[in-house]
């Protein structure tokens, strides 16, 4: 009875409309594109980071689990820390050329 779970509807005003369909607003997972179709962009950023350099990988299209797995792989191969948030992978340090090389070896051919 997932559709009638009251915990998902907390703080929602009651509706008298008999045709009202409540939606939780959750986004459905986007299907992950094959590696050859991913158009990843790798860039370096220092702004708003306290002067520290960060390598950012953008434009990944797919599920959260897949982008986290890719981020974990890149962090391990570069030997540094980082995170994945808002559809971007953040790697600590200036590893632009190394990451592009790793991604191309993995099969992401449209990486720039």
C-alpha atoms as a PDB file:
ATOM      1  CA  UNK A   1       0.000   0.000   0.000  1.00  0.00           C
ATOM      2  CA  UNK A   2       2.790   2.365  -0.915  1.00  0.00           C
ATOM      3  CA  UNK A   3       0.420   4.848  -2.606  1.00  0.00           C
ATOM      4  CA  UNK A   4      -1.424   5.563   0.667  1.00  0.00           C
ATOM      5  CA  UNK A   5       1.503   5.956   3.037  1.00  0.00           C
ATOM      6  CA  UNK A   6       0.504   8.790   5.389  1.00  0.00           C
ATOM      7  CA  UNK A   7       4.113   9.627   6.312  1.00  0.00           C
ATOM      8  CA  UNK A   8       4.758  10.815   2.752  1.00  0.00           C
ATOM      9  CA  UNK A   9       1.814  13.203   3.034  1.00  0.00           C
ATOM     10  CA  UNK A  10       2.712  15.061   6.226  1.00  0.00           C
ATOM     11  CA  UNK A  11       2.161  18.842   6.069  1.00  0.00           C
ATOM     12  CA  UNK A  12      -0.199  18.516   3.080  1.00  0.00           C
ATOM     13  CA  UNK A  13      -3.535  20.346   3.151  1.00  0.00           C
ATOM     14  CA  UNK A  14      -6.665  18.191   2.803  1.00  0.00           C
ATOM     15  CA  UNK A  15      -8.453  18.245  -0.578  1.00  0.00           C
ATOM     16  CA  UNK A  16     -12.193  17.718  -1.073  1.00  0.00           C
ATOM     17  CA  UNK A  17     -11.746  16.999  -4.776  1.00  0.00           C
ATOM     18  CA  UNK A  18     -12.617  13.290  -5.322  1.00  0.00           C
ATOM     19  CA  UNK A  19     -10.310  13.153  -8.374  1.00  0.00           C
ATOM     20  CA  UNK A  20      -7.271  14.551  -6.533  1.00  0.00           C
ATOM     21  CA  UNK A  21      -4.116  12.497  -7.083  1.00  0.00           C
ATOM     22  CA  UNK A  22      -1.355  13.165  -4.598  1.00  0.00           C
ATOM     23  CA  UNK A  23       2.189  12.960  -5.931  1.00  0.00           C
ATOM     24  CA  UNK A  24       5.261  12.950  -3.729  1.00  0.00           C
ATOM     25  CA  UNK A  25       7.320  14.882  -6.255  1.00  0.00           C
ATOM     26  CA  UNK A  26       9.993  12.216  -6.364  1.00  0.00           C
ATOM     27  CA  UNK A  27      11.855  12.081  -9.644  1.00  0.00           C
ATOM     28  CA  UNK A  28      12.085   8.799 -11.441  1.00  0.00           C
ATOM     29  CA  UNK A  29      15.604   7.569 -12.064  1.00  0.00           C
ATOM     30  CA  UNK A  30      16.908   8.448 -15.479  1.00  0.00           C
ATOM     31  CA  UNK A  31      18.285   5.493 -17.396  1.00  0.00           C
ATOM     32  CA  UNK A  32      22.075   5.613 -17.618  1.00  0.00           C
ATOM     33  CA  UNK A  33      23.405   6.269 -21.104  1.00  0.00           C
ATOM     34  CA  UNK A  34      26.089   3.942 -22.499  1.00  0.00           C
ATOM     35  CA  UNK A  35      29.673   5.087 -21.977  1.00  0.00           C
ATOM     36  CA  UNK A  36      30.148   5.973 -25.653  1.00  0.00           C
ATOM     37  CA  UNK A  37      27.170   8.370 -25.572  1.00  0.00           C
ATOM     38  CA  UNK A  38      28.150  10.220 -22.382  1.00  0.00           C
ATOM     39  CA  UNK A  39      29.425  13.736 -23.150  1.00  0.00           C
ATOM     40  CA  UNK A  40      31.425  14.383 -19.992  1.00  0.00           C
ATOM     41  CA  UNK A  41      33.158  17.734 -19.450  1.00  0.00           C
ATOM     42  CA  UNK A  42      36.160  17.989 -17.146  1.00  0.00           C
ATOM     43  CA  UNK A  43      37.152  21.397 -15.755  1.00  0.00           C
ATOM     44  CA  UNK A  44      39.210  22.997 -13.002  1.00  0.00           C
ATOM     45  CA  UNK A  45      37.693  25.406 -10.486  1.00  0.00           C
ATOM     46  CA  UNK A  46      39.157  27.489  -7.643  1.00  0.00           C
ATOM     47  CA  UNK A  47      36.349  29.984  -7.038  1.00  0.00           C
ATOM     48  CA  UNK A  48      34.380  29.703  -3.784  1.00  0.00           C
ATOM     49  CA  UNK A  49      36.595  26.856  -2.567  1.00  0.00           C
ATOM     50  CA  UNK A  50      38.863  28.738  -0.173  1.00  0.00           C
ATOM     51  CA  UNK A  51      41.645  28.899  -2.766  1.00  0.00           C
ATOM     52  CA  UNK A  52      41.763  25.122  -3.198  1.00  0.00           C
ATOM     53  CA  UNK A  53      41.732  23.567  -6.648  1.00  0.00           C
ATOM     54  CA  UNK A  54      38.954  21.126  -7.555  1.00  0.00           C
ATOM     55  CA  UNK A  55      38.488  19.069 -10.723  1.00  0.00           C
ATOM     56  CA  UNK A  56      34.830  18.878 -11.755  1.00  0.00           C
ATOM     57  CA  UNK A  57      33.271  16.274 -14.059  1.00  0.00           C
ATOM     58  CA  UNK A  58      29.882  17.456 -15.419  1.00  0.00           C
ATOM     59  CA  UNK A  59      27.089  16.277 -17.753  1.00  0.00           C
ATOM     60  CA  UNK A  60      26.778  12.673 -16.546  1.00  0.00           C
ATOM     61  CA  UNK A  61      23.349  11.319 -17.520  1.00  0.00           C
ATOM     62  CA  UNK A  62      22.178   8.415 -15.415  1.00  0.00           C
ATOM     63  CA  UNK A  63      21.267   6.992 -12.044  1.00  0.00           C
ATOM     64  CA  UNK A  64      22.765   8.260  -8.800  1.00  0.00           C
ATOM     65  CA  UNK A  65      24.324   4.861  -8.073  1.00  0.00           C
ATOM     66  CA  UNK A  66      26.196   4.924 -11.395  1.00  0.00           C
ATOM     67  CA  UNK A  67      27.623   8.428 -10.923  1.00  0.00           C
ATOM     68  CA  UNK A  68      28.690   7.537  -7.374  1.00  0.00           C
ATOM     69  CA  UNK A  69      30.424   4.412  -8.677  1.00  0.00           C
ATOM     70  CA  UNK A  70      32.258   6.440 -11.338  1.00  0.00           C
ATOM     71  CA  UNK A  71      33.265   9.037  -8.737  1.00  0.00           C
ATOM     72  CA  UNK A  72      34.534   6.326  -6.386  1.00  0.00           C
ATOM     73  CA  UNK A  73      36.564   4.804  -9.230  1.00  0.00           C
ATOM     74  CA  UNK A  74      38.134   8.164 -10.172  1.00  0.00           C
ATOM     75  CA  UNK A  75      38.978   9.033  -6.560  1.00  0.00           C
ATOM     76  CA  UNK A  76      40.652   5.654  -6.093  1.00  0.00           C
ATOM     77  CA  UNK A  77      42.641   5.889  -9.337  1.00  0.00           C
ATOM     78  CA  UNK A  78      43.834   9.430  -8.514  1.00  0.00           C
ATOM     79  CA  UNK A  79      44.490   8.651  -4.840  1.00  0.00           C
ATOM     80  CA  UNK A  80      42.610  11.696  -3.537  1.00  0.00           C
ATOM     81  CA  UNK A  81      39.306  12.605  -1.936  1.00  0.00           C
ATOM     82  CA  UNK A  82      36.190  14.037  -3.454  1.00  0.00           C
ATOM     83  CA  UNK A  83      32.436  13.753  -3.626  1.00  0.00           C
ATOM     84  CA  UNK A  84      29.456  13.463  -5.949  1.00  0.00           C
ATOM     85  CA  UNK A  85      26.635  15.964  -5.619  1.00  0.00           C
ATOM     86  CA  UNK A  86      24.055  17.596  -7.865  1.00  0.00           C
ATOM     87  CA  UNK A  87      25.009  15.386 -10.803  1.00  0.00           C
ATOM     88  CA  UNK A  88      28.672  16.417 -10.655  1.00  0.00           C
ATOM     89  CA  UNK A  89      31.804  14.630  -9.508  1.00  0.00           C
ATOM     90  CA  UNK A  90      34.232  16.772  -7.487  1.00  0.00           C
ATOM     91  CA  UNK A  91      37.830  15.544  -7.196  1.00  0.00           C
ATOM     92  CA  UNK A  92      40.235  17.364  -4.878  1.00  0.00           C
ATOM     93  CA  UNK A  93      43.235  18.765  -6.736  1.00  0.00           C
ATOM     94  CA  UNK A  94      44.252  19.482 -10.317  1.00  0.00           C
ATOM     95  CA  UNK A  95      43.841  16.126 -12.102  1.00  0.00           C
ATOM     96  CA  UNK A  96      42.195  17.269 -15.348  1.00  0.00           C
ATOM     97  CA  UNK A  97      44.538  15.526 -17.814  1.00  0.00           C
ATOM     98  CA  UNK A  98      44.770  12.362 -15.725  1.00  0.00           C
ATOM     99  CA  UNK A  99      40.986  12.091 -15.361  1.00  0.00           C
ATOM    100  CA  UNK A 100      40.424  12.633 -19.086  1.00  0.00           C
ATOM    101  CA  UNK A 101      42.932   9.843 -19.783  1.00  0.00           C
ATOM    102  CA  UNK A 102      41.253   7.496 -17.271  1.00  0.00           C
ATOM    103  CA  UNK A 103      37.767   8.206 -18.643  1.00  0.00           C
ATOM    104  CA  UNK A 104      38.862   7.553 -22.224  1.00  0.00           C
ATOM    105  CA  UNK A 105      40.445   4.235 -21.196  1.00  0.00           C
ATOM    106  CA  UNK A 106      37.172   3.315 -19.435  1.00  0.00           C
ATOM    107  CA  UNK A 107      35.240   3.881 -22.673  1.00  0.00           C
ATOM    108  CA  UNK A 108      33.933   7.457 -22.283  1.00  0.00           C
ATOM    109  CA  UNK A 109      35.086   8.497 -25.772  1.00  0.00           C
ATOM    110  CA  UNK A 110      33.355  11.917 -25.910  1.00  0.00           C
ATOM    111  CA  UNK A 111      35.190  13.334 -22.897  1.00  0.00           C
ATOM    112  CA  UNK A 112      36.689  16.848 -23.129  1.00  0.00           C
END
